[in-house]
Protein backbone atom coordinates (compact mmCIF):
# COMPACT_ATOMS: atom_id res chain seq x y z
CA MET A 1 0.00 0.00 0.00
CA ILE A 2 1.33 3.42 -0.97
CA LYS A 3 0.25 6.29 1.27
CA LEU A 4 -0.73 9.56 -0.34
CA ALA A 5 -1.30 13.03 1.10
CA ILE A 6 -3.21 15.49 -1.09
CA ASN A 7 -2.30 18.83 0.47
CA GLY A 8 -2.52 22.37 -0.74
CA GLY A 9 -6.25 22.70 -0.93
CA ALA A 10 -7.63 20.51 -3.68
CA GLU A 11 -11.11 21.70 -4.65
CA ILE A 12 -14.08 19.37 -4.25
CA TYR A 13 -15.85 18.90 -7.58
CA SER A 14 -18.52 16.50 -6.31
CA ILE A 15 -19.39 14.01 -3.58
CA SER A 16 -21.53 11.02 -4.49
CA PRO A 17 -24.35 9.58 -2.43
CA ILE A 18 -23.74 6.09 -1.05
CA LEU A 19 -23.13 3.69 -3.95
CA GLU A 20 -23.99 0.03 -3.52
CA ILE A 21 -21.79 -2.47 -5.37
CA PRO A 22 -23.41 -5.96 -5.48
CA SER A 23 -21.36 -8.86 -4.17
CA LYS A 24 -20.17 -11.31 -6.83
CA ASN A 25 -21.02 -14.28 -4.61
CA GLY A 26 -24.37 -13.03 -3.30
CA GLY A 27 -23.04 -11.72 0.00
CA THR A 28 -23.33 -8.28 1.53
CA PRO A 29 -22.93 -5.50 -1.03
CA PHE A 30 -19.94 -3.16 -0.84
CA LEU A 31 -20.84 0.44 0.07
CA LYS A 32 -18.77 3.45 -0.91
CA ARG A 33 -18.90 7.18 -1.65
CA GLU A 34 -16.77 8.90 -4.25
CA LEU A 35 -15.07 12.22 -3.65
CA ILE A 36 -14.11 13.85 -6.94
CA LEU A 37 -11.37 16.47 -6.68
CA ASP A 38 -10.83 19.10 -9.37
CA ASP A 39 -7.09 19.51 -9.94
CA SER A 40 -7.38 21.21 -13.34
CA TRP A 41 -4.60 23.59 -14.27
CA ILE A 42 -3.68 26.21 -16.85
CA ASP A 43 -0.32 26.08 -18.58
CA ARG A 44 1.82 29.08 -19.41
CA ASP A 45 0.12 29.35 -22.83
CA GLY A 46 -3.27 29.77 -21.12
CA MET A 47 -4.45 26.28 -22.12
CA LEU A 48 -6.75 24.58 -19.61
CA HIS A 49 -5.85 21.00 -18.68
CA PRO A 50 -8.84 19.36 -16.94
CA ASN A 51 -7.84 16.90 -14.24
CA TYR A 52 -10.28 15.13 -11.93
CA VAL A 53 -9.24 12.64 -9.27
CA SER A 54 -11.63 10.11 -7.71
CA VAL A 55 -11.07 9.09 -4.08
CA GLU A 56 -13.23 6.28 -2.66
CA PHE A 57 -14.40 6.39 0.96
CA SER A 58 -15.93 3.20 2.37
CA GLY A 59 -17.13 1.81 5.69
CA GLU A 60 -17.13 4.22 8.61
CA LYS A 61 -14.98 6.69 6.64
CA MET A 62 -17.95 7.57 4.38
CA ALA A 63 -19.47 9.74 7.12
CA GLN A 64 -16.47 12.09 6.99
CA LEU A 65 -17.77 13.41 3.66
CA ASP A 66 -21.02 14.63 5.25
CA HIS A 67 -19.23 17.77 6.49
CA PHE A 68 -18.02 18.91 3.06
CA GLN A 69 -19.53 20.29 -0.14
CA PRO A 70 -18.49 21.05 -3.75
CA GLY A 71 -16.29 24.12 -4.13
CA GLN A 72 -14.66 23.66 -0.73
CA ARG A 73 -10.88 23.26 -0.54
CA VAL A 74 -9.62 20.23 1.40
CA ASN A 75 -6.62 18.12 2.30
CA VAL A 76 -7.05 14.36 1.86
CA ASP A 77 -5.07 11.43 3.28
CA ALA A 78 -5.37 8.29 1.17
CA CYS A 79 -3.64 5.16 -0.01
CA VAL A 80 -3.13 3.90 -3.55
CA ASN A 81 -4.18 0.29 -4.17
CA GLY A 82 -3.62 -1.74 -7.30
CA ARG A 83 -4.73 -5.16 -8.46
CA GLU A 84 -4.17 -7.28 -11.53
CA HIS A 85 -7.07 -8.85 -13.41
CA ASN A 86 -6.76 -10.64 -16.74
CA GLY A 87 -3.38 -9.11 -17.49
CA ARG A 88 -4.44 -5.54 -16.68
CA VAL A 89 -3.65 -3.49 -13.60
CA PHE A 90 -6.42 -1.46 -11.97
CA ILE A 91 -5.64 1.27 -9.48
CA SER A 92 -7.91 2.92 -6.92
CA ILE A 93 -7.35 5.64 -4.36
CA LYS A 94 -8.91 4.83 -0.97
CA GLY A 95 -9.68 7.77 1.30
CA LEU A 96 -8.44 7.56 4.87
CA GLY A 97 -9.32 11.06 6.06
CA ILE A 98 -10.34 14.53 4.93
CA THR A 99 -9.84 17.92 6.58
CA PRO A 100 -10.65 21.50 5.58
CA TYR A 101 -7.77 23.31 3.89
CA GLN A 102 -6.32 26.20 5.83
CA SER A 103 -3.84 28.36 3.98
CA GLN A 104 -0.61 28.89 5.78
CA THR A 105 0.53 32.45 6.21
CA GLN A 106 4.08 33.00 5.09
CA GLN A 107 6.41 33.21 8.01
CA GLY A 108 9.51 35.32 7.83
CA TYR A 109 11.56 37.77 9.77
CA ALA A 110 10.32 41.30 10.17
CA GLN A 111 12.73 43.78 8.65
CA GLN A 112 14.33 46.10 11.13
CA PRO A 113 14.32 49.77 10.12
CA GLN A 114 17.72 51.13 9.05
CA GLN A 115 19.25 53.68 11.39
């Protein structure tokens, strides 16, 4: 498992309602919510590069998303998981925690007046 910290105030694009994924063997369905982050950027030529990142929250972690809404800036702790199926590798990002983004004020030394 690779741990991932999304810091710097990623903007929430959307938060899904609870999604129910049926079990392949008839057992209890898997429940999750998807947090979509908008990490789009503009290059130096003014060209927009859309970039959306999906982070899955499951189990008791789903409730953390109740306190957030689209447009809000957040920090997210997650882990990257991968699995192989039929010769292909599939990757998912599993949310571990989410907190509101708080910009850090620049800290420096106050200039002393010249005498």
